[in-house]
Amino acid sequence: MRYYKMSSKARGVSQAASGWLYIYPPGIRQLLLYTKSKYNNPVIYITENGVDEYNNKTASLKEALNDGTRVSYYKNHLLYVRRAIRDVSNVRGYSPGHC
C-alpha cells in the first residue's frame, strides 16, 4: 500500500495575491490537451484569463504601471497556449482578463 503526503502548498509555483490562487502556466497547456483528447478537439475560446494582484493604494501611477507579475503571467501563459496550438489544440481565441 502506498501513502502520499497531501499538501495545500504548491511547491515551486508562484502564488497570486489570493491565498488560494497559484500561477502555473504549464497548466493551461495541460488543460487544453486534456480537452482535445477527452472531447474530440472542440473549438476553444479562452476568455477572462488573468491573475489578481495586491492593491497598493499608496503606489504612484508609475509604480502601478510597472506590473512585472502581470506581464510575466501573460507572456508565459500565451507561450503555453501556443505550444498547445502546435500540438493541434483547436484554440481560436484568447482574451485576457483584468484589463
Protein backbone atom coordinates (compact mmCIF):
# COMPACT_ATOMS: atom_id res chain seq x y z
CA MET A 1 0.00 0.00 0.00
CA ARG A 2 1.30 3.47 -0.86
CA TYR A 3 0.76 6.58 1.17
CA TYR A 4 1.01 10.09 -0.18
CA LYS A 5 1.57 13.23 1.77
CA MET A 6 -1.00 15.78 0.66
CA SER A 7 -0.39 19.49 0.95
CA SER A 8 -2.29 22.62 0.05
CA LYS A 9 1.02 24.30 -0.79
CA ALA A 10 2.22 24.24 -4.39
CA ARG A 11 5.96 23.60 -4.46
CA GLY A 12 7.90 25.77 -6.85
CA VAL A 13 4.76 27.53 -8.06
CA SER A 14 4.21 31.27 -7.56
CA GLN A 15 1.23 32.37 -5.53
CA ALA A 16 -1.03 35.19 -6.69
CA ALA A 17 -2.46 37.80 -4.32
CA SER A 18 -5.28 35.47 -3.27
CA GLY A 19 -4.19 32.74 -0.90
CA TRP A 20 -5.93 30.05 -2.97
CA LEU A 21 -4.67 31.08 -6.42
CA TYR A 22 -1.37 29.88 -7.86
CA ILE A 23 0.32 30.85 -11.12
CA TYR A 24 1.09 27.73 -13.14
CA PRO A 25 1.49 28.46 -16.88
CA PRO A 26 2.01 24.80 -17.97
CA GLY A 27 -1.46 24.07 -16.58
CA ILE A 28 -3.20 25.91 -19.40
CA ARG A 29 -1.49 23.69 -21.98
CA GLN A 30 -2.24 20.58 -19.95
CA LEU A 31 -5.92 21.56 -19.76
CA LEU A 32 -6.10 22.31 -23.49
CA LEU A 33 -4.53 18.98 -24.42
CA TYR A 34 -6.81 17.12 -21.99
CA THR A 35 -9.85 18.84 -23.54
CA LYS A 36 -8.58 17.98 -27.02
CA SER A 37 -8.26 14.32 -26.09
CA LYS A 38 -11.38 13.94 -23.95
CA TYR A 39 -13.84 15.95 -26.08
CA ASN A 40 -12.67 15.30 -29.65
CA ASN A 41 -10.75 18.58 -30.06
CA PRO A 42 -13.55 21.15 -29.82
CA VAL A 43 -13.14 24.79 -30.85
CA ILE A 44 -11.94 26.70 -27.77
CA TYR A 45 -12.05 30.40 -26.96
CA ILE A 46 -10.19 31.28 -23.76
CA THR A 47 -11.86 34.21 -22.02
CA GLU A 48 -11.07 36.12 -18.85
CA ASN A 49 -7.71 34.51 -18.19
CA GLY A 50 -5.81 36.58 -15.67
CA VAL A 51 -4.23 36.96 -12.25
CA ASP A 52 -5.11 39.07 -9.25
CA GLU A 53 -2.66 41.37 -7.54
CA TYR A 54 -2.25 43.18 -4.26
CA ASN A 55 -3.98 46.55 -4.24
CA ASN A 56 -1.35 49.03 -3.07
CA LYS A 57 -3.34 52.23 -2.73
CA THR A 58 -0.23 54.26 -1.91
CA ALA A 59 1.62 53.35 -5.12
CA SER A 60 2.21 56.12 -7.62
CA LEU A 61 0.90 55.72 -11.17
CA LYS A 62 4.43 54.99 -12.38
CA GLU A 63 4.84 52.26 -9.74
CA ALA A 64 1.42 50.78 -10.53
CA LEU A 65 2.21 50.61 -14.24
CA ASN A 66 5.41 48.67 -13.53
CA ASP A 67 3.46 45.40 -13.37
CA GLY A 68 6.07 42.72 -14.00
CA THR A 69 3.94 39.98 -12.45
CA ARG A 70 1.08 40.51 -14.90
CA VAL A 71 3.41 40.89 -17.90
CA SER A 72 5.18 37.66 -16.96
CA TYR A 73 1.83 35.91 -16.36
CA TYR A 74 0.51 36.69 -19.84
CA LYS A 75 3.83 36.07 -21.58
CA ASN A 76 4.19 32.62 -20.04
CA HIS A 77 0.55 31.59 -20.40
CA LEU A 78 0.48 32.63 -24.06
CA LEU A 79 3.67 30.64 -24.62
CA TYR A 80 1.90 27.50 -23.35
CA VAL A 81 -1.25 28.27 -25.35
CA ARG A 82 0.94 28.49 -28.45
CA ARG A 83 2.54 25.14 -27.59
CA ALA A 84 -0.93 23.58 -27.27
CA ILE A 85 -1.89 25.03 -30.67
CA ARG A 86 1.27 23.48 -32.15
CA ASP A 87 0.03 20.20 -30.64
CA VAL A 88 -3.16 20.74 -32.70
CA SER A 89 -5.41 22.00 -29.90
CA ASN A 90 -8.23 23.90 -31.60
CA VAL A 91 -7.78 27.23 -29.80
CA ARG A 92 -9.34 30.03 -31.85
CA GLY A 93 -9.14 32.97 -29.47
CA TYR A 94 -7.66 34.29 -26.24
CA SER A 95 -8.94 37.21 -24.21
CA PRO A 96 -7.01 38.41 -21.17
CA GLY A 97 -8.89 39.31 -18.02
CA HIS A 98 -8.40 42.30 -15.71
CA CYS A 99 -7.58 44.73 -18.49
